[in-house]
Amino acid sequence: MDRKPMEDPRKGWPPLVFEDPGMEVRSGEAGWQLRCRVRKRWVALEPEEWVRQHIVAALVDSGWPLGRMVLEHPVRFGQVAGRIDIAVFDRAGNVELAVEVKAPQVPLNVGVADQLGRYDLAVSASALMISNGLRTAVWQRDAEGRWEQSKAWPMPKGR
């Protein structure tokens, strides 16, 4: 039985605001997949994963160390449990940057920001970011520990 290869799902997705990082993408019996730079394995090519890999590449290009990134980092604070989509650790092992990623069709709203805020109760990151690949919002923790929205892309403090 001849099977017609599935069409590349990215054809129906909007272009993201991030530069194309030149990811490895393939189609096979398992469907469309892309090579994850952090996990070093093939993963399903889904809209949220497409955005996540673009953000990983942009963070690495900005000086964030790939070796200190963890994807889907589990967190728990009281009854709140979840996974931070991208957690970047500092040299001391603390989460310096926590990123919540959504698919392009998912609007960024207070609910998405609150989700990341709940996760931050467990990690006390220095910076928070949410993105759907079309829009991005960043917050930096000030000297008093309060969050201030930032128009700048998050940069690592020390390497």
Protein backbone atom coordinates (compact mmCIF):
# COMPACT_ATOMS: atom_id res chain seq x y z
CA MET A 1 0.00 0.00 0.00
CA ASP A 2 1.46 3.36 -1.05
CA ARG A 3 1.19 6.04 1.59
CA LYS A 4 1.25 9.64 0.47
CA PRO A 5 3.64 11.65 2.65
CA MET A 6 1.91 14.10 4.96
CA GLU A 7 2.18 17.73 3.93
CA ASP A 8 4.53 19.88 5.98
CA PRO A 9 2.33 21.30 8.77
CA ARG A 10 4.35 24.52 8.88
CA LYS A 11 2.71 25.62 5.61
CA GLY A 12 -0.37 26.60 7.57
CA TRP A 13 1.44 28.33 10.42
CA PRO A 14 2.08 32.09 10.57
CA PRO A 15 5.67 33.31 10.25
CA LEU A 16 7.24 33.95 13.65
CA VAL A 17 9.01 37.16 14.65
CA PHE A 18 12.21 35.24 15.41
CA GLU A 19 14.96 34.58 12.89
CA ASP A 20 14.87 31.16 11.27
CA PRO A 21 17.41 29.11 13.24
CA GLY A 22 17.73 26.51 10.49
CA MET A 23 16.32 23.61 12.48
CA GLU A 24 16.55 20.04 11.27
CA VAL A 25 13.06 18.85 10.32
CA ARG A 26 12.05 15.47 8.94
CA SER A 27 8.98 13.48 8.00
CA GLY A 28 8.67 9.78 8.60
CA GLU A 29 6.44 7.07 9.96
CA ALA A 30 6.25 8.93 13.28
CA GLY A 31 5.01 12.04 11.47
CA TRP A 32 6.78 15.38 11.23
CA GLN A 33 9.58 15.92 13.74
CA LEU A 34 12.29 18.44 14.54
CA ARG A 35 15.65 18.00 16.24
CA CYS A 36 15.64 19.59 19.69
CA ARG A 37 18.90 21.40 20.48
CA VAL A 38 18.43 21.07 24.23
CA ARG A 39 17.16 17.49 24.53
CA LYS A 40 19.35 16.33 21.61
CA ARG A 41 16.64 14.12 20.17
CA TRP A 42 13.81 14.21 17.64
CA VAL A 43 10.48 15.53 18.96
CA ALA A 44 7.04 15.98 17.38
CA LEU A 45 6.75 19.07 15.20
CA GLU A 46 3.87 20.87 16.90
CA PRO A 47 3.14 24.63 16.82
CA GLU A 48 4.22 25.16 20.46
CA GLU A 49 7.43 23.17 19.94
CA TRP A 50 8.18 25.20 16.80
CA VAL A 51 7.94 28.41 18.87
CA ARG A 52 9.97 26.88 21.74
CA GLN A 53 12.86 25.93 19.44
CA HIS A 54 12.90 29.42 17.88
CA ILE A 55 13.10 30.95 21.37
CA VAL A 56 15.87 28.55 22.40
CA ALA A 57 17.88 29.62 19.35
CA ALA A 58 17.24 33.33 20.05
CA LEU A 59 18.29 32.92 23.69
CA VAL A 60 21.51 31.12 22.68
CA ASP A 61 22.23 33.88 20.15
CA SER A 62 21.80 36.38 23.03
CA GLY A 63 24.40 34.67 25.18
CA TRP A 64 22.27 32.31 27.26
CA PRO A 65 24.18 29.02 27.64
CA LEU A 66 22.51 26.06 25.94
CA GLY A 67 24.06 23.74 28.53
CA ARG A 68 22.09 25.44 31.33
CA MET A 69 18.71 25.17 29.62
CA VAL A 70 16.09 22.67 30.69
CA LEU A 71 12.85 22.22 28.78
CA GLU A 72 9.64 21.37 30.62
CA HIS A 73 11.32 21.80 34.01
CA PRO A 74 8.97 20.42 36.72
CA VAL A 75 8.01 22.79 39.54
CA ARG A 76 5.88 22.48 42.66
CA PHE A 77 4.80 25.14 45.17
CA GLY A 78 2.19 23.92 47.63
CA GLN A 79 -0.68 22.59 45.54
CA VAL A 80 0.64 24.28 42.38
CA ALA A 81 2.50 21.90 40.09
CA GLY A 82 3.52 22.38 36.50
CA ARG A 83 6.37 22.58 34.05
CA ILE A 84 8.32 25.64 32.99
CA ASP A 85 8.65 25.41 29.21
CA ILE A 86 12.19 26.83 29.20
CA ALA A 87 14.21 27.26 32.40
CA VAL A 88 17.72 28.70 32.17
CA PHE A 89 19.88 28.22 35.25
CA ASP A 90 22.70 30.41 36.54
CA ARG A 91 26.06 29.01 37.67
CA ALA A 92 24.72 28.53 41.22
CA GLY A 93 21.88 26.31 39.98
CA ASN A 94 19.07 28.85 40.38
CA VAL A 95 16.55 29.59 37.64
CA GLU A 96 17.65 32.89 36.14
CA LEU A 97 15.06 32.94 33.34
CA ALA A 98 11.68 31.16 33.15
CA VAL A 99 9.81 31.13 29.84
CA GLU A 100 6.23 30.06 29.13
CA VAL A 101 5.68 29.21 25.46
CA LYS A 102 2.36 29.04 23.65
CA ALA A 103 1.44 28.13 20.08
CA PRO A 104 0.99 31.12 17.73
CA GLN A 105 -2.80 30.82 17.76
CA VAL A 106 -2.91 31.08 21.58
CA PRO A 107 -3.27 34.71 22.66
CA LEU A 108 -0.99 36.04 25.36
CA ASN A 109 -3.20 37.24 28.17
CA VAL A 110 -3.31 37.62 31.94
CA GLY A 111 -4.00 33.90 32.32
CA VAL A 112 -0.75 32.99 30.57
CA ALA A 113 1.21 35.51 32.66
CA ASP A 114 -0.47 34.23 35.85
CA GLN A 115 0.46 30.65 34.92
CA LEU A 116 4.13 31.58 34.74
CA GLY A 117 3.80 33.68 37.90
CA ARG A 118 2.50 30.63 39.80
CA TYR A 119 5.46 28.57 38.58
CA ASP A 120 7.79 31.35 39.67
CA LEU A 121 6.60 30.93 43.26
CA ALA A 122 8.70 27.74 43.24
CA VAL A 123 11.82 29.10 41.53
CA SER A 124 12.06 32.90 42.13
CA ALA A 125 13.60 33.61 38.73
CA SER A 126 15.36 36.89 37.94
CA ALA A 127 13.43 37.26 34.66
CA LEU A 128 10.18 35.91 33.22
CA MET A 129 9.07 35.74 29.61
CA ILE A 130 5.95 34.60 27.76
CA SER A 131 5.79 34.22 23.99
CA ASN A 132 3.62 32.74 21.28
CA GLY A 133 6.20 33.49 18.57
CA LEU A 134 4.21 36.49 17.37
CA ARG A 135 4.28 38.51 20.58
CA THR A 136 6.60 38.37 23.58
CA ALA A 137 6.41 39.93 27.04
CA VAL A 138 9.30 40.13 29.50
CA TRP A 139 9.48 40.99 33.18
CA GLN A 140 12.60 41.66 35.28
CA ARG A 141 12.75 41.44 39.06
CA ASP A 142 13.87 44.76 40.58
CA ALA A 143 16.17 45.21 43.61
CA GLU A 144 13.16 45.02 45.97
CA GLY A 145 11.96 41.77 44.40
CA ARG A 146 9.03 43.33 42.51
CA TRP A 147 8.31 42.58 38.86
CA GLU A 148 8.71 45.32 36.26
CA GLN A 149 7.68 44.80 32.66
CA SER A 150 10.59 45.30 30.29
CA LYS A 151 10.64 46.21 26.62
CA ALA A 152 14.10 44.66 26.28
CA TRP A 153 14.97 41.08 25.41
CA PRO A 154 16.24 39.27 28.54
CA MET A 155 20.03 39.07 28.76
CA PRO A 156 22.05 36.79 31.02
CA LYS A 157 23.53 38.52 34.08
CA GLY A 158 26.78 36.61 34.34
CA ARG A 159 28.26 33.70 32.56
